[in-house]
Amino acid sequence: MGARIVGWLLLVLMAGAAAFGYAVYQGRVAVPDRWNPFAPLDVREPRGPLTALKLWRTVHDRELCVATLERSGVAFRPVADSTTPAGCELKDVLRVTHSDVDYSGPFLATCPLAIGLAFFEHQYLQPAAVEMFGQRVRRIEHVGSFACRKVNNQEDGSRSQHASANAIDLTGFVLESGRRITLARWNDGSADAAFLERVHDGACHAFDTTLGPDYNALHRMHFHIDMGPYRICR
């Protein structure tokens, strides 16, 4: 009898939670955005208990992703779908020129990758720079996003996330003072190395895959970040 009562109570609680969630979704019950899983992601707002869920929803919903990107400070324009002679398909891709920071050059990106970069910039990169150097990052340096090739430039195997502009390789960061921090300082015991390690850790929370110099020799001079199907932090 006791187990049956507990079961009914759990069922009632679950039904009540579902009804409350639906009311929040419909806008009939107002809750602060921080506690509303259906509120749009704001990449500039401090992280909260539901931020990871909002980020997941954003990168898995094309319309929501673009709408969020338009509010994020990222300057971009859509690029027509195309297929390269080698068979790499570019679909729903954007050309990103800058955000609240400059980039060393414009690049192609899927919306999820662009959102990941904006989230990374505001939640991890800039806080690390301000805390460790007392100034913000002015420019993010990279060596490109799109490349129609296989993983690690191998002849066989699956195509890289670069082949669909869903990855980018970051090589360094320039502070407001002009101080340039590159991956050449990785693990050399300097303040720059400590900053790079913290940035790497932050990237692991913003992107599905983050590969750095400790992964292999091919990544000795850059961070590879992508929004692919696997979660890897190396």
Protein backbone atom coordinates (compact mmCIF):
# COMPACT_ATOMS: atom_id res chain seq x y z
CA MET A 1 0.00 0.00 0.00
CA GLY A 2 2.79 2.43 0.93
CA ALA A 3 4.62 1.82 -2.34
CA ARG A 4 1.40 2.42 -4.27
CA ILE A 5 0.85 5.76 -2.52
CA VAL A 6 4.42 6.83 -3.24
CA GLY A 7 3.95 5.86 -6.87
CA TRP A 8 0.79 7.93 -7.15
CA LEU A 9 2.49 10.91 -5.49
CA LEU A 10 5.38 10.69 -7.96
CA LEU A 11 2.94 10.50 -10.85
CA VAL A 12 1.08 13.58 -9.58
CA LEU A 13 4.36 15.47 -9.14
CA MET A 14 5.49 14.55 -12.65
CA ALA A 15 2.17 15.63 -14.12
CA GLY A 16 2.34 18.90 -12.19
CA ALA A 17 5.90 19.56 -13.37
CA ALA A 18 4.89 18.84 -16.97
CA ALA A 19 1.90 21.19 -16.69
CA PHE A 20 4.07 23.92 -15.17
CA GLY A 21 6.69 23.51 -17.89
CA TYR A 22 4.06 23.73 -20.60
CA ALA A 23 2.64 26.89 -19.01
CA VAL A 24 6.12 28.43 -18.98
CA TYR A 25 6.61 27.39 -22.63
CA GLN A 26 3.27 29.01 -23.57
CA GLY A 27 4.20 32.18 -21.68
CA ARG A 28 1.29 31.82 -19.26
CA VAL A 29 3.67 31.67 -16.30
CA ALA A 30 6.47 34.23 -16.12
CA VAL A 31 9.82 33.15 -14.70
CA PRO A 32 13.20 34.92 -14.90
CA ASP A 33 15.10 34.08 -18.09
CA ARG A 34 17.86 32.54 -15.95
CA TRP A 35 15.39 29.87 -14.84
CA ASN A 36 13.42 29.59 -18.07
CA PRO A 37 14.72 26.77 -20.30
CA PHE A 38 12.71 28.18 -23.22
CA ALA A 39 14.17 31.70 -23.01
CA PRO A 40 16.62 32.50 -25.85
CA LEU A 41 20.32 32.17 -25.19
CA ASP A 42 22.18 35.43 -24.61
CA VAL A 43 25.90 34.79 -25.12
CA ARG A 44 26.76 37.94 -23.14
CA GLU A 45 24.80 37.04 -20.00
CA PRO A 46 26.60 35.26 -17.13
CA ARG A 47 26.19 31.50 -17.24
CA GLY A 48 23.37 30.00 -15.21
CA PRO A 49 22.03 26.54 -14.38
CA LEU A 50 20.22 26.27 -17.73
CA THR A 51 22.87 27.81 -20.00
CA ALA A 52 24.14 24.46 -21.30
CA LEU A 53 20.60 23.42 -22.22
CA LYS A 54 19.95 26.73 -23.99
CA LEU A 55 23.20 26.41 -25.93
CA TRP A 56 22.27 22.87 -26.98
CA ARG A 57 18.82 23.99 -28.13
CA THR A 58 20.30 26.90 -30.04
CA VAL A 59 22.85 24.96 -32.07
CA HIS A 60 20.30 22.25 -32.93
CA ASP A 61 17.65 24.65 -34.26
CA ARG A 62 18.60 26.55 -37.42
CA GLU A 63 16.10 29.40 -37.03
CA LEU A 64 16.82 29.82 -33.32
CA CYS A 65 20.55 29.73 -34.04
CA VAL A 66 20.42 32.54 -36.60
CA ALA A 67 18.11 34.64 -34.40
CA THR A 68 20.50 34.22 -31.47
CA LEU A 69 23.50 35.07 -33.63
CA GLU A 70 21.82 38.29 -34.77
CA ARG A 71 21.68 39.42 -31.13
CA SER A 72 25.20 38.35 -30.27
CA GLY A 73 27.23 41.13 -31.88
CA VAL A 74 28.57 38.84 -34.62
CA ALA A 75 28.74 40.43 -38.07
CA PHE A 76 27.86 37.86 -40.72
CA ARG A 77 26.05 37.28 -43.98
CA PRO A 78 24.53 34.12 -45.46
CA VAL A 79 26.40 32.30 -48.23
CA ALA A 80 24.63 30.43 -51.02
CA ASP A 81 24.68 26.65 -50.73
CA SER A 82 27.27 25.03 -52.95
CA THR A 83 29.25 21.87 -53.57
CA THR A 84 32.95 21.91 -54.39
CA PRO A 85 34.43 19.91 -57.30
CA ALA A 86 35.79 17.47 -54.71
CA GLY A 87 32.29 16.90 -53.35
CA CYS A 88 32.35 18.92 -50.13
CA GLU A 89 28.93 20.43 -49.47
CA LEU A 90 28.51 23.88 -47.97
CA LYS A 91 24.97 24.18 -46.66
CA ASP A 92 23.47 26.92 -44.46
CA VAL A 93 26.92 28.49 -44.14
CA LEU A 94 27.70 32.07 -43.09
CA ARG A 95 30.62 34.41 -43.77
CA VAL A 96 31.74 35.86 -40.44
CA THR A 97 33.77 39.08 -40.46
CA HIS A 98 33.98 40.15 -36.81
CA SER A 99 32.19 40.17 -33.48
CA ASP A 100 33.00 42.24 -30.41
CA VAL A 101 36.57 41.24 -31.29
CA ASP A 102 38.31 41.37 -34.64
CA TYR A 103 39.39 38.25 -36.49
CA SER A 104 42.60 37.99 -38.47
CA GLY A 105 40.39 37.45 -41.50
CA PRO A 106 36.80 36.63 -42.47
CA PHE A 107 35.86 32.97 -42.53
CA LEU A 108 33.06 30.59 -43.43
CA ALA A 109 31.19 28.96 -40.56
CA THR A 110 28.07 27.02 -39.81
CA CYS A 111 25.72 28.83 -37.48
CA PRO A 112 26.53 26.45 -34.59
CA LEU A 113 30.25 27.18 -34.99
CA ALA A 114 29.63 30.93 -35.06
CA ILE A 115 27.47 30.67 -31.93
CA GLY A 116 30.14 28.59 -30.23
CA LEU A 117 32.76 31.24 -30.99
CA ALA A 118 30.57 34.05 -29.65
CA PHE A 119 29.78 32.07 -26.51
CA PHE A 120 33.47 31.18 -26.05
CA GLU A 121 34.50 34.80 -26.50
CA HIS A 122 32.16 36.24 -23.88
CA GLN A 123 32.11 33.42 -21.35
CA TYR A 124 35.71 32.22 -21.34
CA LEU A 125 38.18 34.14 -23.50
CA GLN A 126 37.54 37.70 -22.35
CA PRO A 127 37.12 36.83 -18.65
CA ALA A 128 40.44 34.99 -18.72
CA ALA A 129 42.22 37.93 -20.41
CA VAL A 130 40.79 40.50 -18.00
CA GLU A 131 41.56 38.42 -14.92
CA MET A 132 45.09 37.44 -15.96
CA PHE A 133 46.28 40.54 -17.86
CA GLY A 134 43.86 43.30 -16.85
CA GLN A 135 42.77 43.88 -20.45
CA ARG A 136 40.56 42.38 -23.12
CA VAL A 137 41.42 40.47 -26.27
CA ARG A 138 41.31 42.71 -29.34
CA ARG A 139 41.81 40.11 -32.07
CA ILE A 140 41.52 36.37 -32.50
CA GLU A 141 43.99 34.91 -34.98
CA HIS A 142 43.14 31.84 -37.04
CA VAL A 143 44.32 29.92 -40.09
CA GLY A 144 40.93 29.27 -41.63
CA SER A 145 37.84 27.17 -41.28
CA PHE A 146 36.84 25.60 -44.59
CA ALA A 147 39.08 23.00 -46.22
CA CYS A 148 37.72 20.15 -48.35
CA ARG A 149 39.78 17.33 -46.88
CA LYS A 150 39.76 14.20 -44.74
CA VAL A 151 40.60 14.14 -41.03
CA ASN A 152 44.30 14.94 -40.45
CA ASN A 153 44.73 15.30 -44.23
CA GLN A 154 44.64 11.53 -44.65
CA GLU A 155 43.71 9.96 -47.99
CA ASP A 156 41.27 7.55 -46.36
CA GLY A 157 38.74 7.91 -43.57
CA SER A 158 35.96 10.35 -42.84
CA ARG A 159 35.85 13.98 -43.88
CA SER A 160 37.02 16.60 -41.44
CA GLN A 161 34.57 19.05 -39.90
CA HIS A 162 36.58 21.62 -41.87
CA ALA A 163 35.06 20.12 -45.02
CA SER A 164 31.69 21.62 -44.09
CA ALA A 165 33.02 24.84 -42.44
CA ASN A 166 32.04 23.43 -39.04
CA ALA A 167 35.55 23.84 -37.59
CA ILE A 168 38.19 26.52 -37.26
CA ASP A 169 41.85 26.52 -36.17
CA LEU A 170 42.87 29.25 -33.71
CA THR A 171 46.55 30.19 -33.58
CA GLY A 172 46.73 33.14 -31.20
CA PHE A 173 45.21 36.13 -29.47
CA VAL A 174 46.13 39.82 -29.47
CA LEU A 175 45.39 41.90 -26.37
CA GLU A 176 44.31 45.55 -26.37
CA SER A 177 47.90 46.58 -25.60
CA GLY A 178 49.12 44.79 -28.73
CA ARG A 179 50.61 41.89 -26.79
CA ARG A 180 50.39 38.80 -29.00
CA ILE A 181 49.95 35.37 -27.43
CA THR A 182 50.51 32.42 -29.75
CA LEU A 183 50.42 28.65 -29.34
CA ALA A 184 54.22 28.69 -29.53
CA ARG A 185 54.09 29.56 -25.81
CA TRP A 186 52.08 26.44 -24.94
CA ASN A 187 53.32 24.70 -21.80
CA ASP A 188 56.50 26.80 -21.47
CA GLY A 189 55.74 27.89 -17.90
CA SER A 190 54.99 31.51 -18.81
CA ALA A 191 51.95 33.65 -18.04
CA ASP A 192 51.03 33.30 -21.71
CA ALA A 193 51.06 29.52 -21.33
CA ALA A 194 48.78 29.70 -18.29
CA PHE A 195 46.38 31.88 -20.28
CA LEU A 196 46.40 29.46 -23.21
CA GLU A 197 45.67 26.54 -20.91
CA ARG A 198 42.71 28.37 -19.39
CA VAL A 199 41.45 29.32 -22.85
CA HIS A 200 41.73 25.69 -23.93
CA ASP A 201 39.71 24.57 -20.91
CA GLY A 202 37.03 27.15 -21.71
CA ALA A 203 36.88 26.04 -25.34
CA CYS A 204 36.10 22.52 -24.15
CA HIS A 205 32.87 23.88 -22.64
CA ALA A 206 31.92 25.98 -25.68
CA PHE A 207 32.60 23.49 -28.49
CA ASP A 208 31.95 19.81 -29.05
CA THR A 209 35.58 19.14 -29.94
CA THR A 210 38.69 20.99 -28.78
CA LEU A 211 42.12 19.68 -29.77
CA GLY A 212 45.35 21.40 -28.74
CA PRO A 213 49.11 20.81 -28.72
CA ASP A 214 48.83 17.92 -26.25
CA TYR A 215 46.69 15.97 -28.73
CA ASN A 216 49.32 15.35 -31.40
CA ALA A 217 52.07 17.02 -33.41
CA LEU A 218 49.63 18.20 -36.09
CA HIS A 219 48.00 20.47 -33.50
CA ARG A 220 51.24 21.78 -32.01
CA MET A 221 50.60 25.35 -33.15
CA HIS A 222 46.82 25.71 -32.99
CA PHE A 223 43.58 24.87 -31.24
CA HIS A 224 41.21 22.94 -33.47
CA ILE A 225 37.62 23.61 -32.41
CA ASP A 226 34.46 22.27 -34.02
CA MET A 227 30.77 21.60 -33.46
CA GLY A 228 30.83 18.07 -34.77
CA PRO A 229 29.12 14.94 -33.51
CA TYR A 230 31.72 13.93 -30.91
CA ARG A 231 32.63 15.50 -27.58
CA ILE A 232 36.42 15.50 -27.26
CA CYS A 233 38.65 17.69 -25.07
CA ARG A 234 42.34 17.00 -25.59
